Structures are given as C-alpha cells and as structure tokens.
C-alpha cells in the first residue's frame, strides 16, 4: 500500500515522519508513504473546481485540485489529510471535508483526520514522553490541561515547558513560534508511543492508518 499524507505545516510533517513508521512499520515493509507539508491550512474554496495558487502552498485552498490529481494517479492507494481543528466544530468541519472529497472526480480513497485543537494535543496525550523530553515541565500547568480541549493548546504547552511561556514566544514574534514547534516535534515526537497515547484525536489517526493497511491486505 502507498499513502500520500498531507499536513498543514512543516512541524506537523516532522512529527508525522516520526510517528507513521511506529504505526505502520518501517518504510517499504510493506507499506510506503510520502508526507507533504503546506504553509498553512487556509479554507475550503467555494468553487471546488478552482485550482488555487500553487505558489502559496495553502492546504485547503489547493485540496480539491490535489485530490483530483491523486485520483488520476496510478499507484496511490489512499490519501490521508491531517488538519488542526483550531476553533472549528469538528463534526461540521469533517462533513465539509467529506463533501469536498465526494465532489472530486475521480476521487482517491481519502481519510481525513483532525487534531483537536492542534497537533500539540498529541504531546499532552503521552505525559511520559513529554516529561522525558522536558523533565522540568511545570506539572501544575500540565495538570490543568483537559485532553483534546479547545484551550489554546500550543500556548498551554509553551506555558509548561518554555522559559517565559507563551507570552515570551508571542512577544518575540515570528519565526520563534515555528521554531519552537519544530523543537517539540524533534524532542518529544521520537518518544511518543502510539498505543499509549490517550489523545482521542491521535487515536483516530493511528487506528485509521492501521485500518487502511488491513484493507490493503
């Protein structure tokens, strides 16, 4: 089975590069995949036939065109699209995404997976990995987090493990937020254990990928 995986930013790509082999096994044994990152999530276009500006590399803006292209490409067994819900209603968002895929002709076998509220929720889902990477993390901040809640997730993680917390990151401005998220993916990602992660949204990604593998035989 070959899977194309789309994610909205480069730190997400870095995290998935670590996690997917833990879920599916080593690359090429027997499954293969490619992970593509974009420069933001964007929004679903009103005109699904619009091509979007490929130079901007905004995921949802280009998704209809991407899915149609994958649907015409031999050798692609599935497309997995991983997105943050941010403050969207997950049920409504997923329905919109499925309607987008249904409107593509031809359409590939497409699996949408949504991190609630952000992919940083998956770090909270494995407390042992988080504390191994950051043993000085503020446990009082970690304890106040409710798993997969909409609570400014990355900011909450920063408040637990970054000197000065999220306020210091926001004060410094770009590119520090992106650099910090890359550091988290690099330090915490390799320590995450997929079967121990208590994040419901991560569990749906893990189980969805494994189901695709079973269906592929």
Protein backbone atom coordinates (compact mmCIF):
# COMPACT_ATOMS: atom_id res chain seq x y z
CA UNK A 1 0.00 0.00 0.00
CA UNK A 2 1.17 3.51 -0.83
CA UNK A 3 -0.24 6.53 1.03
CA UNK A 4 0.14 10.23 0.31
CA UNK A 5 -0.10 12.21 3.58
CA UNK A 6 -0.85 15.93 3.58
CA UNK A 7 -0.29 18.13 6.62
CA UNK A 8 -0.64 21.87 7.06
CA UNK A 9 2.84 22.82 8.28
CA UNK A 10 6.45 21.64 8.45
CA UNK A 11 6.45 20.88 12.18
CA UNK A 12 3.49 18.59 11.57
CA UNK A 13 5.46 16.87 8.84
CA UNK A 14 8.39 16.39 11.20
CA UNK A 15 6.13 14.84 13.82
CA UNK A 16 4.43 12.50 11.34
CA UNK A 17 7.77 11.40 9.88
CA UNK A 18 8.49 10.02 13.34
CA UNK A 19 5.04 8.62 14.12
CA UNK A 20 3.96 6.92 10.88
CA UNK A 21 6.69 4.24 10.98
CA UNK A 22 5.68 3.46 14.57
CA UNK A 23 2.11 2.92 13.37
CA UNK A 24 2.63 1.19 10.02
CA UNK A 25 6.11 -0.30 10.36
CA UNK A 26 9.28 0.62 8.54
CA UNK A 27 9.01 2.42 5.22
CA UNK A 28 8.62 -0.18 2.48
CA UNK A 29 7.93 -3.10 4.83
CA UNK A 30 5.49 -3.48 3.16
CA UNK A 31 3.80 -0.08 3.09
CA UNK A 32 5.16 3.16 1.64
CA UNK A 33 4.17 6.77 2.11
CA UNK A 34 5.17 10.32 1.37
CA UNK A 35 4.41 13.23 3.71
CA UNK A 36 3.85 16.66 2.18
CA UNK A 37 3.70 19.85 4.26
CA UNK A 38 1.98 23.08 3.35
CA UNK A 39 2.29 26.64 4.58
CA UNK A 40 -0.99 26.93 6.46
CA UNK A 41 -4.45 25.47 6.46
CA UNK A 42 -6.41 28.12 4.52
CA UNK A 43 -10.07 27.45 3.83
CA UNK A 44 -12.19 25.23 1.62
CA UNK A 45 -12.81 27.12 -1.65
CA UNK A 46 -16.40 27.85 -2.60
CA UNK A 47 -15.59 26.83 -6.16
CA UNK A 48 -14.23 23.29 -5.90
CA UNK A 49 -13.04 23.48 -9.49
CA UNK A 50 -10.74 26.37 -8.71
CA UNK A 51 -7.08 25.48 -8.96
CA UNK A 52 -5.74 27.69 -6.17
CA UNK A 53 -2.35 29.35 -6.31
CA UNK A 54 0.24 26.54 -6.15
CA UNK A 55 2.97 29.03 -5.25
CA UNK A 56 1.26 29.83 -1.94
CA UNK A 57 1.07 26.16 -0.85
CA UNK A 58 -2.03 26.62 1.33
CA UNK A 59 -3.53 23.20 2.01
CA UNK A 60 -7.32 23.60 1.91
CA UNK A 61 -7.14 26.12 -0.92
CA UNK A 62 -5.44 23.51 -3.10
CA UNK A 63 -7.09 20.38 -1.73
CA UNK A 64 -9.75 19.88 -4.45
CA UNK A 65 -7.10 20.08 -7.16
CA UNK A 66 -4.78 17.81 -5.19
CA UNK A 67 -7.41 15.14 -4.61
CA UNK A 68 -8.44 15.12 -8.28
CA UNK A 69 -4.81 14.72 -9.25
CA UNK A 70 -4.27 11.85 -6.84
CA UNK A 71 -7.49 10.25 -8.09
CA UNK A 72 -5.99 10.12 -11.59
CA UNK A 73 -2.59 8.84 -10.45
CA UNK A 74 -1.95 5.06 -10.56
CA UNK A 75 -0.23 3.50 -7.56
CA UNK A 76 -1.76 5.74 -4.89
CA UNK A 77 -3.92 3.59 -2.63
CA UNK A 78 -5.00 6.28 -0.18
CA UNK A 79 -4.63 9.95 0.72
CA UNK A 80 -4.56 10.97 4.38
CA UNK A 81 -5.18 14.63 5.19
CA UNK A 82 -4.18 15.72 8.72
CA UNK A 83 -5.51 19.07 9.92
CA UNK A 84 -5.89 21.10 13.09
CA UNK A 85 -9.47 21.86 14.05
CA UNK A 86 -8.38 25.15 15.64
CA UNK A 87 -11.73 26.55 16.80
CA UNK A 88 -13.89 24.87 14.20
CA UNK A 89 -16.66 22.48 15.15
CA UNK A 90 -15.09 19.11 14.33
CA UNK A 91 -18.33 17.45 13.21
CA UNK A 92 -19.16 20.27 10.80
CA UNK A 93 -15.57 20.54 9.59
CA UNK A 94 -15.34 16.83 8.86
CA UNK A 95 -18.65 16.93 6.98
CA UNK A 96 -17.35 19.78 4.82
CA UNK A 97 -14.14 17.88 4.09
CA UNK A 98 -16.00 14.71 3.13
CA UNK A 99 -18.29 16.72 0.87
CA UNK A 100 -15.22 18.22 -0.79
CA UNK A 101 -13.78 14.76 -1.45
CA UNK A 102 -17.13 13.48 -2.74
CA UNK A 103 -17.20 16.34 -5.24
CA UNK A 104 -13.86 15.35 -6.76
CA UNK A 105 -13.99 13.20 -9.86
CA UNK A 106 -12.10 10.99 -9.86
CA UNK A 107 -11.53 10.89 -6.10
CA UNK A 108 -8.89 8.81 -4.32
CA UNK A 109 -9.59 6.82 -1.17
CA UNK A 110 -9.33 9.73 1.25
CA UNK A 111 -9.05 9.69 5.04
CA UNK A 112 -9.39 12.95 6.97
CA UNK A 113 -8.01 13.17 10.48
CA UNK A 114 -8.42 16.22 12.68
CA UNK A 115 -6.26 17.14 15.67
CA UNK A 116 -8.29 18.79 18.43
CA UNK A 117 -7.49 21.73 18.74
CA UNK A 118 -3.94 21.45 17.46
CA UNK A 119 -1.41 18.67 16.94
CA UNK A 120 0.27 19.75 20.17
CA UNK A 121 -2.62 17.93 21.89
CA UNK A 122 -0.86 14.70 20.91
CA UNK A 123 2.14 15.61 23.07
CA UNK A 124 -0.16 16.04 26.06
CA UNK A 125 -1.54 12.59 25.23
CA UNK A 126 1.72 10.94 26.28
CA UNK A 127 2.74 12.52 29.58
CA UNK A 128 5.70 10.18 29.98
CA UNK A 129 7.19 11.19 26.64
CA UNK A 130 6.62 14.87 27.35
CA UNK A 131 8.30 14.72 30.77
CA UNK A 132 11.18 12.64 29.44
CA UNK A 133 11.87 15.31 26.82
CA UNK A 134 11.24 18.18 29.26
CA UNK A 135 11.80 16.94 32.82
CA UNK A 136 11.44 20.46 34.21
CA UNK A 137 7.98 20.94 32.74
CA UNK A 138 5.52 22.63 35.07
CA UNK A 139 3.28 19.79 36.18
CA UNK A 140 0.67 22.19 37.57
CA UNK A 141 0.18 23.56 34.04
CA UNK A 142 0.08 20.06 32.58
CA UNK A 143 -2.48 19.00 35.17
CA UNK A 144 -4.82 21.84 34.23
CA UNK A 145 -4.98 20.69 30.63
CA UNK A 146 -8.06 18.71 29.64
CA UNK A 147 -7.16 16.29 26.86
CA UNK A 148 -8.26 17.40 23.38
CA UNK A 149 -9.95 20.52 24.68
CA UNK A 150 -10.13 23.86 22.87
CA UNK A 151 -7.94 25.92 25.16
CA UNK A 152 -5.13 27.48 23.08
CA UNK A 153 -3.28 24.16 23.13
CA UNK A 154 0.16 25.14 21.89
CA UNK A 155 0.17 28.11 24.24
CA UNK A 156 -0.65 25.82 27.16
CA UNK A 157 2.23 23.54 26.22
CA UNK A 158 4.55 26.53 25.95
CA UNK A 159 3.47 27.71 29.38
CA UNK A 160 4.51 24.32 30.74
CA UNK A 161 7.89 23.88 29.07
CA UNK A 162 9.21 27.11 27.51
CA UNK A 163 11.08 29.74 29.58
CA UNK A 164 8.71 32.67 29.93
CA UNK A 165 5.85 30.65 28.49
CA UNK A 166 3.70 31.52 25.51
CA UNK A 167 3.87 35.23 26.35
CA UNK A 168 7.62 35.25 25.68
CA UNK A 169 7.14 33.44 22.36
CA UNK A 170 4.40 35.81 21.22
CA UNK A 171 6.42 38.84 22.28
CA UNK A 172 9.40 37.70 20.21
CA UNK A 173 7.13 37.06 17.23
CA UNK A 174 7.81 35.14 14.06
CA UNK A 175 9.80 32.96 13.38
CA UNK A 176 10.09 31.86 17.02
CA UNK A 177 6.64 30.15 17.24
CA UNK A 178 7.51 27.95 14.28
CA UNK A 179 10.99 27.21 15.61
CA UNK A 180 9.60 26.17 18.99
CA UNK A 181 7.06 23.83 17.38
CA UNK A 182 9.86 22.23 15.37
CA UNK A 183 11.84 21.73 18.56
CA UNK A 184 8.87 20.00 20.21
CA UNK A 185 8.45 17.69 17.21
CA UNK A 186 12.15 16.88 17.28
CA UNK A 187 12.40 16.29 21.04
CA UNK A 188 9.02 14.82 22.01
CA UNK A 189 7.99 13.15 18.75
CA UNK A 190 10.53 10.28 18.82
CA UNK A 191 9.47 9.43 22.39
CA UNK A 192 5.74 9.15 21.70
CA UNK A 193 4.28 5.65 21.96
CA UNK A 194 1.22 5.40 19.68
CA UNK A 195 -0.52 2.71 21.73
CA UNK A 196 -0.11 4.62 24.98
CA UNK A 197 -1.32 7.98 23.71
CA UNK A 198 -4.60 8.99 25.39
CA UNK A 199 -5.48 11.74 22.89
CA UNK A 200 -8.74 10.68 21.20
CA UNK A 201 -7.86 12.57 18.02
CA UNK A 202 -4.45 10.89 17.84
CA UNK A 203 -6.11 7.53 18.41
CA UNK A 204 -8.34 8.14 15.39
CA UNK A 205 -5.29 8.84 13.23
CA UNK A 206 -3.47 5.74 14.50
CA UNK A 207 -6.47 3.46 14.07
CA UNK A 208 -7.37 4.94 10.69
CA UNK A 209 -3.90 4.31 9.29
CA UNK A 210 -3.90 0.75 10.58
CA UNK A 211 -7.34 0.14 9.10
CA UNK A 212 -6.10 1.31 5.70
CA UNK A 213 -3.23 -1.15 5.98
CA UNK A 214 -5.58 -4.03 6.82
CA UNK A 215 -7.93 -3.14 3.98
CA UNK A 216 -4.99 -3.10 1.59
CA UNK A 217 -4.20 -6.66 2.62
